[in-house]
Amino acid sequence: MMPASTKATDARLLRVDYIFLAPLLLYLPLLVFEGALRYFLWHVGLEALVYIPKGLMIVLFWLVIIFALTRGRLGKAFVFLLGILIIGFFVGLYYTGSFFQAAFGLWVYTPMLYGTVALPSFLRIGKKGSSFVLILWFAVMAGLLWDCISLLPWTGFDYELGKATIEASRKWTTFGIKRCAGFTRASFSAAYLILFFAVYLATKLKSKFFIFSIWLATGLGLLLTTHKTAIGIYLGISLLGPVLLLYPYASIVRQSFKVLPAIVALIGISLPLLSGVVTIAPESHFEKVILASLGMRFSDTWPDALALVKNDGNLVLGRGLGGIGAPQKYFEPKLHNPADNMFLSLYVSFGAGMIAFVGILVHGLSRLDLRDSWHNRLFWLLGLAVLLQGWTINAVEDPLTSIILGLLLGYIFCKGKTLENRC
């Protein structure tokens, strides 16, 4: 049962909340329909307009943060995150030698900063949030089903913008198996959208039949995307959900759920460290479908990332912001490494600061009482999903996951306060 203060504020949005939620409410529909939107805008000669929502989102991110500063609405989560980002920026400036590369790395974490200050508004969104997320979930699912039975016109469509070739929606297969994306730009985008939407709805809706139906349909949708990491997360939560539902007061269940985030994080940290020891060489067709990409991470991506720190950075400080991932595509193409592991990406960006970041996240999740409120269950499940996602994905570079991490940090730092006074 939710505390009285939570009930009082959960159903009432303040005027200021619309300002704080605007970037998220703008960004989610754009993600859901981005592939189709790029296609249709190109055909009417307005392809550049697709960047207007993103441009507005960038402006809104910083306006929200500045607005929070002026109102004294910044909490410990924002201060902690801003502190390690400032250190990471100067370390990145030193090791990459490029102000703009380090600044690009700082921008990657802007959605996370936004998430920390948007937390109180997010907690108060109430039923309006459920309706909004449910509509978007249906839209992604409809797109996946349509993509499954026919070839959508924007799938595989490329166009020229200036001197760059832009991919409207990726057309690709895994060993001959089609990877459906629906209205989105890529199958992995669709996978994480329906997964995170389903987790939100599963903790917020009251009808168990409706929750079960949405969760089951989400699993079928994930199969259409063929995204193995998202499917693995889905299966993991599917096993944990019934246990939490049927035995919420059992001591062994509560203790297990407290230590599980730490176990998941330790595995995620260990995977890149085992890259020089473990070798994966799939032979059968099934093994190649399941393990081929993981084998490439063990043999190439992760060892190269660790060598990058050793040769062009510092084992304690890392390489700083911009030292790995997307910024390298533009400023260090010869050294570019996608990381493909959130913990490795955090280590390269913050060095030993990665331990503090992950430690705070894991410790905070372990303190959440899952019997207390739907907020606790939501953030625990989202936190576990992001930690699992981080095993094989550089999750901090995905703006949606980055926002979720910001919300998580904000919730963890402010746990125990009333919603009116959070952050």
Protein backbone atom coordinates (compact mmCIF):
# COMPACT_ATOMS: atom_id res chain seq x y z
CA MET A 1 0.00 0.00 0.00
CA MET A 2 1.30 3.44 -0.91
CA PRO A 3 2.00 6.08 1.76
CA ALA A 4 -0.63 8.78 2.18
CA SER A 5 1.69 11.52 0.94
CA THR A 6 2.33 9.55 -2.24
CA LYS A 7 -1.38 9.09 -2.83
CA ALA A 8 -2.07 12.78 -2.33
CA THR A 9 0.45 13.99 -4.84
CA ASP A 10 0.40 11.13 -7.37
CA ALA A 11 -2.89 12.25 -8.91
CA ARG A 12 -2.24 16.00 -9.07
CA LEU A 13 0.17 17.57 -11.53
CA LEU A 14 1.39 21.07 -10.74
CA ARG A 15 1.84 23.67 -13.47
CA VAL A 16 5.59 23.53 -13.10
CA ASP A 17 5.48 19.76 -13.70
CA TYR A 18 4.47 20.28 -17.32
CA ILE A 19 7.69 22.26 -17.83
CA PHE A 20 9.81 19.55 -16.25
CA LEU A 21 8.08 16.74 -18.15
CA ALA A 22 8.06 18.49 -21.56
CA PRO A 23 11.40 17.00 -22.79
CA LEU A 24 10.30 13.46 -21.94
CA LEU A 25 6.80 13.87 -23.38
CA LEU A 26 8.35 15.27 -26.57
CA TYR A 27 11.08 12.68 -26.88
CA LEU A 28 9.11 9.45 -26.39
CA PRO A 29 6.69 9.89 -29.35
CA LEU A 30 9.64 10.92 -31.51
CA LEU A 31 11.40 7.66 -30.65
CA VAL A 32 8.28 5.62 -31.38
CA PHE A 33 7.66 7.12 -34.86
CA GLU A 34 11.13 8.32 -35.88
CA GLY A 35 11.70 5.91 -38.78
CA ALA A 36 8.37 6.67 -40.44
CA LEU A 37 8.66 10.38 -39.69
CA ARG A 38 12.03 10.65 -41.45
CA TYR A 39 10.65 8.86 -44.51
CA PHE A 40 7.57 11.04 -44.94
CA LEU A 41 9.39 14.31 -44.24
CA TRP A 42 11.96 13.46 -46.93
CA HIS A 43 9.21 12.90 -49.49
CA VAL A 44 7.82 16.40 -48.94
CA GLY A 45 11.27 17.99 -48.97
CA LEU A 46 11.26 18.76 -45.26
CA GLU A 47 13.64 16.08 -44.00
CA ALA A 48 15.57 18.59 -41.87
CA LEU A 49 12.45 19.20 -39.77
CA VAL A 50 12.98 15.89 -37.97
CA TYR A 51 15.78 17.59 -36.05
CA ILE A 52 13.50 20.34 -34.72
CA PRO A 53 12.00 18.13 -31.98
CA LYS A 54 15.50 16.98 -31.03
CA GLY A 55 16.74 20.56 -31.06
CA LEU A 56 13.83 21.64 -28.88
CA MET A 57 14.54 18.73 -26.60
CA ILE A 58 18.17 19.83 -26.17
CA VAL A 59 17.07 23.39 -25.39
CA LEU A 60 14.39 22.12 -23.00
CA PHE A 61 16.88 19.87 -21.23
CA TRP A 62 19.06 22.84 -20.32
CA LEU A 63 16.13 25.18 -19.64
CA VAL A 64 14.74 22.66 -17.18
CA ILE A 65 18.13 22.35 -15.47
CA ILE A 66 18.57 26.16 -15.34
CA PHE A 67 14.99 26.53 -14.08
CA ALA A 68 15.72 23.99 -11.34
CA LEU A 69 18.86 25.93 -10.38
CA THR A 70 16.97 29.20 -10.02
CA ARG A 71 14.28 27.55 -7.88
CA GLY A 72 16.77 25.74 -5.68
CA ARG A 73 15.31 22.44 -6.83
CA LEU A 74 18.58 20.58 -7.18
CA GLY A 75 19.27 17.62 -4.93
CA LYS A 76 22.20 15.43 -4.00
CA ALA A 77 21.79 13.27 -7.11
CA PHE A 78 22.27 16.24 -9.44
CA VAL A 79 25.23 17.57 -7.44
CA PHE A 80 26.91 14.13 -7.38
CA LEU A 81 26.38 13.57 -11.10
CA LEU A 82 27.46 17.09 -12.05
CA GLY A 83 30.58 16.69 -9.91
CA ILE A 84 31.83 13.52 -11.60
CA LEU A 85 30.90 14.98 -15.01
CA ILE A 86 33.03 18.08 -14.41
CA ILE A 87 35.99 15.90 -13.39
CA GLY A 88 35.37 13.62 -16.39
CA PHE A 89 35.24 16.63 -18.72
CA PHE A 90 38.69 17.89 -17.71
CA VAL A 91 40.17 14.38 -17.81
CA GLY A 92 38.69 13.97 -21.30
CA LEU A 93 40.06 17.35 -22.36
CA TYR A 94 43.52 16.26 -21.25
CA TYR A 95 43.60 12.78 -22.80
CA THR A 96 41.70 13.44 -26.04
CA GLY A 97 43.16 16.90 -26.55
CA SER A 98 39.84 18.15 -27.96
CA PHE A 99 37.45 20.51 -26.20
CA PHE A 100 34.61 19.59 -28.54
CA GLN A 101 35.14 15.85 -28.08
CA ALA A 102 34.97 16.22 -24.29
CA ALA A 103 31.94 18.52 -24.67
CA PHE A 104 30.24 15.89 -26.85
CA GLY A 105 30.89 13.39 -24.07
CA LEU A 106 29.28 15.79 -21.59
CA TRP A 107 26.21 16.07 -23.82
CA VAL A 108 25.80 12.29 -23.77
CA TYR A 109 25.04 12.59 -20.03
CA THR A 110 22.69 15.57 -20.33
CA PRO A 111 19.53 13.37 -20.35
CA MET A 112 20.75 11.77 -17.12
CA LEU A 113 21.12 15.19 -15.49
CA TYR A 114 17.63 16.03 -16.70
CA GLY A 115 16.25 12.84 -15.16
CA THR A 116 17.51 13.81 -11.68
CA VAL A 117 15.60 17.13 -11.70
CA ALA A 118 12.47 15.76 -13.42
CA LEU A 119 11.92 13.11 -10.73
CA PRO A 120 9.28 14.91 -8.58
CA SER A 121 7.18 15.65 -11.67
CA PHE A 122 7.55 12.08 -12.88
CA LEU A 123 6.31 10.75 -9.55
CA ARG A 124 3.24 12.99 -9.67
CA ILE A 125 2.18 12.11 -13.21
CA GLY A 126 -0.36 9.54 -11.98
CA LYS A 127 -3.01 8.09 -14.31
CA LYS A 128 -2.07 10.47 -17.11
CA GLY A 129 1.30 8.74 -17.30
CA SER A 130 -0.29 5.30 -17.60
CA SER A 131 -2.55 6.41 -20.46
CA PHE A 132 0.32 8.09 -22.31
CA VAL A 133 2.64 5.08 -21.97
CA LEU A 134 -0.12 2.63 -22.93
CA ILE A 135 -0.84 4.53 -26.16
CA LEU A 136 2.85 4.53 -27.07
CA TRP A 137 3.15 0.82 -26.20
CA PHE A 138 0.25 0.00 -28.56
CA ALA A 139 1.86 2.14 -31.29
CA VAL A 140 5.19 0.29 -31.08
CA MET A 141 3.46 -3.11 -31.02
CA ALA A 142 1.26 -2.19 -34.01
CA GLY A 143 4.35 -1.12 -35.95
CA LEU A 144 6.15 -4.38 -35.17
CA LEU A 145 3.19 -6.49 -36.29
CA TRP A 146 2.83 -4.47 -39.49
CA ASP A 147 6.55 -4.81 -40.16
CA CYS A 148 6.31 -8.57 -39.58
CA ILE A 149 3.66 -9.17 -42.25
CA SER A 150 4.86 -6.68 -44.86
CA LEU A 151 7.83 -4.56 -45.91
CA LEU A 152 7.31 -1.04 -44.63
CA PRO A 153 8.31 1.72 -47.08
CA TRP A 154 10.74 3.36 -44.65
CA THR A 155 12.56 0.12 -43.77
CA GLY A 156 16.04 0.25 -45.27
CA PHE A 157 15.43 3.76 -46.65
CA ASP A 158 18.51 6.02 -46.83
CA TYR A 159 18.64 9.65 -47.89
CA GLU A 160 21.18 12.42 -48.33
CA LEU A 161 21.28 15.41 -45.99
CA GLY A 162 24.12 17.70 -46.88
CA LYS A 163 27.16 15.49 -47.35
CA ALA A 164 25.90 12.80 -44.99
CA THR A 165 23.93 9.65 -45.78
CA ILE A 166 21.17 9.22 -43.22
CA GLU A 167 19.52 5.92 -42.37
CA ALA A 168 15.78 6.45 -41.83
CA SER A 169 15.12 2.95 -40.51
CA ARG A 170 17.60 0.10 -40.44
CA LYS A 171 16.93 -2.99 -42.52
CA TRP A 172 18.90 -5.95 -41.25
CA THR A 173 18.74 -9.62 -40.40
CA THR A 174 20.38 -12.03 -37.96
CA PHE A 175 21.51 -15.09 -39.92
CA GLY A 176 18.56 -14.69 -42.26
CA ILE A 177 16.01 -13.80 -39.56
CA LYS A 178 14.30 -10.44 -40.12
CA ARG A 179 14.73 -7.90 -37.31
CA CYS A 180 11.51 -5.87 -37.18
CA ALA A 181 11.61 -2.21 -36.16
CA GLY A 182 8.06 -1.04 -36.90
CA PHE A 183 7.78 2.75 -36.87
CA THR A 184 11.12 3.18 -35.07
CA ARG A 185 14.60 3.57 -36.56
CA ALA A 186 15.94 0.15 -35.52
CA SER A 187 14.84 -3.11 -33.95
CA PHE A 188 16.78 -2.47 -30.73
CA SER A 189 14.96 0.86 -30.28
CA ALA A 190 11.60 -0.89 -30.57
CA ALA A 191 12.75 -3.64 -28.18
CA TYR A 192 13.73 -1.35 -25.33
CA LEU A 193 10.72 0.92 -25.83
CA ILE A 194 8.17 -1.87 -25.36
CA LEU A 195 10.22 -3.45 -22.56
CA PHE A 196 10.47 -0.26 -20.49
CA PHE A 197 6.86 0.67 -21.28
CA ALA A 198 5.70 -2.79 -20.16
CA VAL A 199 7.66 -2.57 -16.87
CA TYR A 200 6.04 0.81 -16.15
CA LEU A 201 2.55 -0.50 -16.92
CA ALA A 202 3.08 -3.73 -14.96
CA THR A 203 3.82 -1.76 -11.79
CA LYS A 204 1.18 0.94 -12.32
CA LEU A 205 -1.95 -0.85 -13.59
CA LYS A 206 -4.29 -2.63 -11.16
CA SER A 207 -5.85 -5.32 -13.37
CA LYS A 208 -3.73 -8.49 -13.18
CA PHE A 209 -5.34 -9.81 -16.34
CA PHE A 210 -4.47 -6.62 -18.22
CA ILE A 211 -0.91 -6.70 -16.87
CA PHE A 212 -0.48 -10.35 -17.88
CA SER A 213 -1.86 -9.65 -21.37
CA ILE A 214 0.48 -6.69 -21.92
CA TRP A 215 3.47 -8.61 -20.59
CA LEU A 216 2.77 -11.65 -22.76
CA ALA A 217 2.29 -9.48 -25.86
CA THR A 218 5.53 -7.66 -25.05
CA GLY A 219 7.39 -10.97 -25.14
CA LEU A 220 6.00 -11.72 -28.59
CA GLY A 221 6.97 -8.23 -29.73
CA LEU A 222 10.53 -8.73 -28.48
CA LEU A 223 10.78 -11.95 -30.48
CA LEU A 224 9.97 -9.94 -33.61
CA THR A 225 12.89 -7.60 -32.88
CA THR A 226 15.20 -10.61 -32.23
CA HIS A 227 17.12 -8.42 -29.76
CA LYS A 228 18.77 -11.01 -27.52
CA THR A 229 19.68 -8.74 -24.60
CA ALA A 230 16.15 -7.34 -24.34
CA ILE A 231 14.68 -10.86 -24.57
CA GLY A 232 17.03 -12.02 -21.81
CA ILE A 233 15.97 -9.12 -19.56
CA TYR A 234 12.33 -9.92 -20.28
CA LEU A 235 12.79 -13.58 -19.31
CA GLY A 236 14.62 -12.59 -16.12
CA ILE A 237 11.87 -10.22 -15.00
CA SER A 238 9.25 -12.81 -15.98
CA LEU A 239 10.81 -15.23 -13.49
CA LEU A 240 11.14 -12.64 -10.72
CA GLY A 241 7.69 -11.07 -11.11
CA PRO A 242 5.58 -14.03 -9.92
CA VAL A 243 7.91 -14.59 -6.95
CA LEU A 244 7.52 -10.95 -5.90
CA LEU A 245 3.76 -11.17 -6.43
CA LEU A 246 3.16 -14.45 -4.58
CA TYR A 247 5.72 -14.23 -1.75
CA PRO A 248 6.32 -10.52 -1.04
CA TYR A 249 6.72 -11.04 2.73
CA ALA A 250 8.97 -14.11 2.67
CA SER A 251 12.32 -13.30 4.28
CA ILE A 252 14.37 -15.26 1.74
CA VAL A 253 12.63 -13.42 -1.12
CA ARG A 254 13.31 -10.00 0.40
CA GLN A 255 16.96 -10.82 1.09
CA SER A 256 17.45 -12.27 -2.40
CA PHE A 257 15.98 -9.19 -4.03
CA LYS A 258 18.32 -7.01 -1.98
CA VAL A 259 21.50 -8.72 -3.18
CA LEU A 260 20.39 -9.39 -6.78
CA PRO A 261 21.32 -5.90 -8.14
CA ALA A 262 24.84 -6.29 -6.71
CA ILE A 263 25.23 -9.72 -8.31
CA VAL A 264 24.05 -8.42 -11.69
CA ALA A 265 26.40 -5.41 -11.47
CA LEU A 266 29.40 -7.59 -10.53
CA ILE A 267 28.76 -9.87 -13.51
CA GLY A 268 28.50 -6.82 -15.79
CA ILE A 269 31.83 -5.48 -14.49
CA SER A 270 33.50 -8.90 -14.77
CA LEU A 271 32.55 -9.63 -18.38
CA PRO A 272 35.07 -7.25 -20.03
CA LEU A 273 37.77 -8.39 -17.57
CA LEU A 274 37.26 -11.97 -18.75
CA SER A 275 37.75 -11.01 -22.41
CA GLY A 276 41.36 -12.16 -22.37
CA VAL A 277 40.43 -15.45 -20.74
CA VAL A 278 37.09 -16.52 -22.24
CA THR A 279 36.82 -17.41 -25.93
CA ILE A 280 33.49 -18.03 -27.63
CA ALA A 281 33.59 -19.87 -30.96
CA PRO A 282 30.03 -20.82 -31.97
CA GLU A 283 29.79 -23.68 -34.46
CA SER A 284 26.16 -24.62 -35.08
CA HIS A 285 23.68 -22.23 -36.69
CA PHE A 286 21.80 -21.90 -33.38
CA GLU A 287 25.01 -21.11 -31.49
CA LYS A 288 25.92 -18.45 -34.04
CA VAL A 289 22.51 -16.80 -33.75
CA ILE A 290 22.75 -16.68 -29.95
CA LEU A 291 26.48 -16.18 -29.28
CA ALA A 292 28.15 -14.63 -32.36
CA SER A 293 27.86 -10.99 -31.20
CA LEU A 294 28.96 -11.90 -27.66
CA GLY A 295 31.98 -13.70 -29.10
CA MET A 296 32.98 -10.53 -30.98
CA ARG A 297 32.79 -8.54 -27.77
CA PHE A 298 35.05 -11.02 -25.95
CA SER A 299 37.56 -11.22 -28.80
CA ASP A 300 37.68 -7.63 -30.07
CA THR A 301 35.51 -4.89 -28.54
CA TRP A 302 36.27 -5.32 -24.83
CA PRO A 303 40.03 -6.07 -25.08
CA ASP A 304 40.45 -3.09 -27.42
CA ALA A 305 38.58 -0.80 -25.00
CA LEU A 306 40.77 -1.84 -22.08
CA ALA A 307 43.87 -1.36 -24.24
CA LEU A 308 42.57 2.10 -25.13
CA VAL A 309 42.64 3.10 -21.47
CA LYS A 310 46.07 1.56 -20.91
CA ASN A 311 47.69 3.14 -23.98
CA ASP A 312 45.80 6.42 -24.36
CA GLY A 313 44.47 7.09 -20.89
CA ASN A 314 45.03 6.31 -17.23
CA LEU A 315 44.11 3.15 -15.32
CA VAL A 316 42.81 5.24 -12.38
CA LEU A 317 41.29 8.22 -14.20
CA GLY A 318 40.20 6.48 -17.41
CA ARG A 319 40.14 8.65 -20.57
CA GLY A 320 37.46 11.08 -19.46
CA LEU A 321 34.29 12.17 -21.22
CA GLY A 322 34.40 11.70 -24.99
CA GLY A 323 37.05 9.00 -24.63
CA ILE A 324 34.85 6.16 -25.83
CA GLY A 325 31.71 5.55 -27.86
CA ALA A 326 29.81 8.03 -30.03
CA PRO A 327 32.16 11.05 -29.66
CA GLN A 328 35.01 9.00 -31.11
CA LYS A 329 33.11 8.47 -34.37
CA TYR A 330 33.58 12.14 -35.18
CA PHE A 331 36.85 13.02 -33.45
CA GLU A 332 38.83 9.76 -33.15
CA PRO A 333 37.51 7.45 -35.88
CA LYS A 334 40.69 5.33 -35.89
CA LEU A 335 40.36 4.68 -32.16
CA HIS A 336 36.58 4.33 -32.12
CA ASN A 337 35.25 1.67 -29.77
CA PRO A 338 31.51 1.30 -28.96
CA ALA A 339 32.28 -0.22 -25.51
CA ASP A 340 29.19 -2.50 -25.71
CA ASN A 341 29.14 -2.63 -21.92
CA MET A 342 27.79 0.13 -19.66
CA PHE A 343 30.24 -0.58 -16.84
CA LEU A 344 33.21 -0.49 -19.21
CA SER A 345 31.94 2.78 -20.70
CA LEU A 346 31.62 4.29 -17.20
CA TYR A 347 35.15 3.13 -16.35
CA VAL A 348 36.67 4.68 -19.47
CA SER A 349 34.75 7.93 -18.83
CA PHE A 350 35.26 8.23 -15.04
CA GLY A 351 37.98 5.77 -14.11
CA ALA A 352 37.64 4.71 -10.48
CA GLY A 353 34.58 6.98 -10.29
CA MET A 354 32.71 4.11 -11.95
CA ILE A 355 32.84 2.26 -8.62
CA ALA A 356 31.14 5.17 -6.85
CA PHE A 357 28.48 5.50 -9.57
CA VAL A 358 27.61 1.79 -9.67
CA GLY A 359 27.99 1.41 -5.91
CA ILE A 360 25.48 4.17 -5.17
CA LEU A 361 23.04 2.73 -7.71
CA VAL A 362 23.29 -0.82 -6.37
CA HIS A 363 23.18 0.21 -2.70
CA GLY A 364 20.13 2.38 -3.34
CA LEU A 365 18.28 -0.42 -5.13
CA SER A 366 19.03 -2.84 -2.29
CA ARG A 367 17.39 -0.43 0.20
CA LEU A 368 14.05 -0.25 -1.62
CA ASP A 369 11.24 -2.07 0.17
CA LEU A 370 9.27 -3.65 -2.66
CA ARG A 371 6.20 -4.01 -0.43
CA ASP A 372 6.07 -0.29 0.28
CA SER A 373 4.78 1.33 -2.95
CA TRP A 374 4.54 0.92 -6.71
CA HIS A 375 7.29 3.55 -7.03
CA ASN A 376 9.73 1.25 -5.24
CA ARG A 377 8.77 -1.72 -7.41
CA LEU A 378 9.01 0.36 -10.58
CA PHE A 379 12.46 1.76 -9.85
CA TRP A 380 13.80 -1.58 -8.61
CA LEU A 381 12.68 -3.32 -11.82
CA LEU A 382 13.93 -0.48 -14.02
CA GLY A 383 17.25 -0.50 -12.18
CA LEU A 384 17.64 -4.25 -12.60
CA ALA A 385 16.71 -3.98 -16.30
CA VAL A 386 19.31 -1.24 -16.90
CA LEU A 387 22.02 -3.21 -15.05
CA LEU A 388 21.24 -6.27 -17.18
CA GLN A 389 21.14 -4.15 -20.32
CA GLY A 390 24.58 -2.86 -19.37
CA TRP A 391 26.14 -6.31 -19.78
CA THR A 392 26.27 -5.97 -23.58
CA ILE A 393 25.05 -2.41 -24.30
CA ASN A 394 26.64 0.99 -23.74
CA ALA A 395 23.37 2.01 -22.07
CA VAL A 396 24.47 5.53 -21.07
CA GLU A 397 24.53 6.57 -24.74
CA ASP A 398 20.85 5.76 -25.20
CA PRO A 399 18.94 8.94 -24.19
CA LEU A 400 15.92 7.03 -22.87
CA THR A 401 18.05 4.73 -20.69
CA SER A 402 20.09 7.75 -19.62
CA ILE A 403 16.93 9.54 -18.46
CA ILE A 404 15.89 6.40 -16.56
CA LEU A 405 19.30 6.31 -14.84
CA GLY A 406 18.85 9.96 -13.85
CA LEU A 407 15.41 9.22 -12.40
CA LEU A 408 16.88 6.23 -10.55
CA LEU A 409 19.70 8.28 -9.02
CA GLY A 410 17.25 10.99 -8.01
CA TYR A 411 14.91 8.48 -6.38
CA ILE A 412 17.74 6.72 -4.55
CA PHE A 413 19.26 9.92 -3.16
CA CYS A 414 15.86 11.28 -2.10
CA LYS A 415 14.43 8.07 -0.62
CA GLY A 416 12.69 8.69 2.66
CA LYS A 417 11.47 12.22 1.92
CA THR A 418 7.92 13.12 1.02
CA LEU A 419 7.29 13.61 -2.69
CA GLU A 420 6.74 17.34 -2.22
CA ASN A 421 10.29 17.71 -0.93
CA ARG A 422 12.11 15.23 -3.17
CA CYS A 423 15.25 16.65 -4.80
